[in-house]
Amino acid sequence: MKQENLEAIANDPKTFLSKGRNLKALIEAKQEHIEEWRRLSESTTATLKSGGGSKIGYKQGLMENAVCNIVDLETEILIEINELVELERDIQEAINTLLTDDRHKAVLELRYIHHLKLEEIAVKLNYAFRHVQRLNGRALADLKKVAACHG
């Protein structure tokens, strides 16, 4: 396991583990933005077909701008997806390497790799919500303690 990850976990395991959720949210926001640009470009296409005269060149420029924005955002998303894959691999390694309790592993994996809410984890594992809260807290504490020993 990377030393920098051990140090990050020892300092604040929740922040380290939450990076994946934050990155996923950023990717989803950009995907929504792409859909907005696509909708705008489709409405521009319809106008180009029915429009006329000197406005066509201006509208084509707007269309090109929309397409360029879509391509730029898609490129950013691909880069961030690669970062997310690597980060989730690091998170999985930390969970598997540093924890021994299978219940703790299950809760952290569902929370920080599958990005489920604690309520959803409780249903999935057939545990009471309060029990999942306790397991999550203990797992984070154990993760921090073991990472500090390894660091």
Protein backbone atom coordinates (compact mmCIF):
# COMPACT_ATOMS: atom_id res chain seq x y z
CA MET A 1 0.00 0.00 0.00
CA LYS A 2 1.24 3.49 -0.85
CA GLN A 3 2.75 5.40 2.02
CA GLU A 4 0.83 8.56 1.11
CA ASN A 5 -2.46 6.63 1.36
CA LEU A 6 -1.51 5.22 4.75
CA GLU A 7 -0.73 8.73 5.99
CA ALA A 8 -4.00 10.11 4.60
CA ILE A 9 -5.97 7.29 6.27
CA ALA A 10 -4.11 7.74 9.56
CA ASN A 11 -4.90 11.47 9.52
CA ASP A 12 -8.55 11.30 8.42
CA PRO A 13 -9.89 8.03 7.00
CA LYS A 14 -13.32 9.45 6.16
CA THR A 15 -11.84 12.20 3.98
CA PHE A 16 -9.63 9.70 2.15
CA LEU A 17 -12.50 7.29 1.58
CA SER A 18 -14.90 10.06 0.51
CA LYS A 19 -12.67 11.21 -2.35
CA GLY A 20 -14.26 8.59 -4.61
CA ARG A 21 -17.79 9.81 -3.89
CA ASN A 22 -16.73 13.40 -4.50
CA LEU A 23 -15.05 12.52 -7.79
CA LYS A 24 -18.06 10.49 -8.90
CA ALA A 25 -20.34 13.46 -8.16
CA LEU A 26 -18.07 15.71 -10.21
CA ILE A 27 -18.20 13.28 -13.14
CA GLU A 28 -21.99 13.08 -12.93
CA ALA A 29 -22.27 16.87 -12.90
CA LYS A 30 -20.15 17.08 -16.05
CA GLN A 31 -22.26 14.40 -17.71
CA GLU A 32 -25.36 16.46 -16.97
CA HIS A 33 -23.62 19.49 -18.42
CA ILE A 34 -22.89 17.52 -21.60
CA GLU A 35 -26.57 16.63 -21.88
CA GLU A 36 -27.44 20.32 -21.58
CA TRP A 37 -25.00 21.17 -24.39
CA ARG A 38 -26.46 18.37 -26.52
CA ARG A 39 -30.00 19.67 -26.02
CA LEU A 40 -28.85 23.16 -26.93
CA SER A 41 -27.00 21.95 -30.01
CA GLU A 42 -30.04 19.95 -31.16
CA SER A 43 -32.24 23.03 -30.90
CA THR A 44 -29.60 24.98 -32.83
CA THR A 45 -29.57 22.29 -35.53
CA ALA A 46 -33.32 22.59 -35.98
CA THR A 47 -32.97 26.37 -36.30
CA LEU A 48 -30.14 26.02 -38.82
CA LYS A 49 -32.28 23.87 -41.07
CA SER A 50 -35.23 26.24 -41.02
CA GLY A 51 -33.37 29.53 -40.57
CA GLY A 52 -32.00 31.54 -43.37
CA GLY A 53 -29.75 34.28 -44.61
CA SER A 54 -26.87 35.82 -42.74
CA LYS A 55 -27.74 34.19 -39.40
CA ILE A 56 -26.56 30.75 -40.59
CA GLY A 57 -22.86 31.54 -40.19
CA TYR A 58 -23.42 32.86 -36.67
CA LYS A 59 -25.53 29.85 -35.72
CA GLN A 60 -22.95 27.46 -37.17
CA GLY A 61 -20.37 29.13 -34.95
CA LEU A 62 -22.60 28.55 -31.94
CA MET A 63 -23.01 24.93 -32.97
CA GLU A 64 -19.25 24.47 -33.29
CA ASN A 65 -18.82 26.04 -29.86
CA ALA A 66 -21.35 23.62 -28.36
CA VAL A 67 -19.62 20.62 -29.98
CA CYS A 68 -16.20 21.80 -28.75
CA ASN A 69 -17.57 22.18 -25.22
CA ILE A 70 -19.01 18.67 -25.36
CA VAL A 71 -15.71 17.20 -26.57
CA ASP A 72 -13.75 19.07 -23.89
CA LEU A 73 -16.07 17.88 -21.13
CA GLU A 74 -15.98 14.29 -22.41
CA THR A 75 -12.18 14.39 -22.35
CA GLU A 76 -12.21 15.69 -18.77
CA ILE A 77 -14.66 12.97 -17.79
CA LEU A 78 -12.44 10.24 -19.25
CA ILE A 79 -9.48 11.54 -17.26
CA GLU A 80 -11.57 11.70 -14.09
CA ILE A 81 -12.96 8.20 -14.66
CA ASN A 82 -9.39 6.88 -14.83
CA GLU A 83 -8.63 8.74 -11.58
CA LEU A 84 -11.77 7.28 -10.00
CA VAL A 85 -10.83 3.74 -11.02
CA GLU A 86 -7.37 4.14 -9.48
CA LEU A 87 -8.78 5.77 -6.36
CA GLU A 88 -11.38 3.03 -5.87
CA ARG A 89 -8.61 0.45 -6.29
CA ASP A 90 -6.62 2.22 -3.54
CA ILE A 91 -9.70 2.39 -1.30
CA GLN A 92 -10.43 -1.31 -1.85
CA GLU A 93 -6.82 -2.16 -1.07
CA ALA A 94 -6.95 -0.12 2.13
CA ILE A 95 -10.16 -1.80 3.26
CA ASN A 96 -8.91 -5.31 2.47
CA THR A 97 -5.40 -4.79 3.82
CA LEU A 98 -6.06 -2.85 7.01
CA LEU A 99 -9.30 -4.38 8.28
CA THR A 100 -9.92 -7.90 9.51
CA ASP A 101 -13.61 -7.72 10.50
CA ASP A 102 -15.75 -8.75 7.51
CA ARG A 103 -18.69 -6.65 8.73
CA HIS A 104 -16.49 -3.55 8.80
CA LYS A 105 -15.17 -4.36 5.34
CA ALA A 106 -18.70 -4.81 3.98
CA VAL A 107 -19.96 -1.52 5.42
CA LEU A 108 -16.98 0.50 4.17
CA GLU A 109 -17.03 -1.11 0.74
CA LEU A 110 -20.74 -0.44 0.30
CA ARG A 111 -20.35 3.10 1.61
CA TYR A 112 -17.18 4.26 -0.10
CA ILE A 113 -16.91 2.14 -3.23
CA HIS A 114 -20.56 1.59 -4.08
CA HIS A 115 -21.49 5.01 -2.64
CA LEU A 116 -24.57 3.78 -0.77
CA LYS A 117 -26.16 5.72 2.08
CA LEU A 118 -26.08 4.16 5.53
CA GLU A 119 -29.83 3.52 5.29
CA GLU A 120 -29.32 1.59 2.03
CA ILE A 121 -26.49 -0.41 3.60
CA ALA A 122 -28.73 -1.34 6.53
CA VAL A 123 -31.37 -2.68 4.15
CA LYS A 124 -28.82 -4.48 1.98
CA LEU A 125 -27.13 -6.18 4.95
CA ASN A 126 -30.39 -6.66 6.85
CA TYR A 127 -29.05 -4.74 9.85
CA ALA A 128 -30.68 -2.04 11.93
CA PHE A 129 -29.71 1.46 10.84
CA ARG A 130 -28.16 2.26 14.24
CA HIS A 131 -26.07 -0.92 14.02
CA VAL A 132 -24.73 0.17 10.62
CA GLN A 133 -23.89 3.58 12.07
CA ARG A 134 -21.92 1.93 14.86
CA LEU A 135 -20.17 -0.47 12.47
CA ASN A 136 -19.23 2.42 10.20
CA GLY A 137 -17.82 4.42 13.11
CA ARG A 138 -15.86 1.45 14.45
CA ALA A 139 -14.56 0.56 10.99
CA LEU A 140 -13.30 4.13 10.45
CA ALA A 141 -11.66 4.13 13.88
CA ASP A 142 -10.02 0.74 13.25
CA LEU A 143 -8.85 1.86 9.82
CA LYS A 144 -7.27 4.98 11.31
CA LYS A 145 -5.58 3.05 14.12
CA VAL A 146 -4.15 0.32 11.87
CA ALA A 147 -2.98 2.85 9.25
CA ALA A 148 -1.17 4.82 11.97
CA CYS A 149 0.62 1.64 13.08
CA HIS A 150 1.67 0.81 9.52
CA GLY A 151 2.73 4.37 8.72
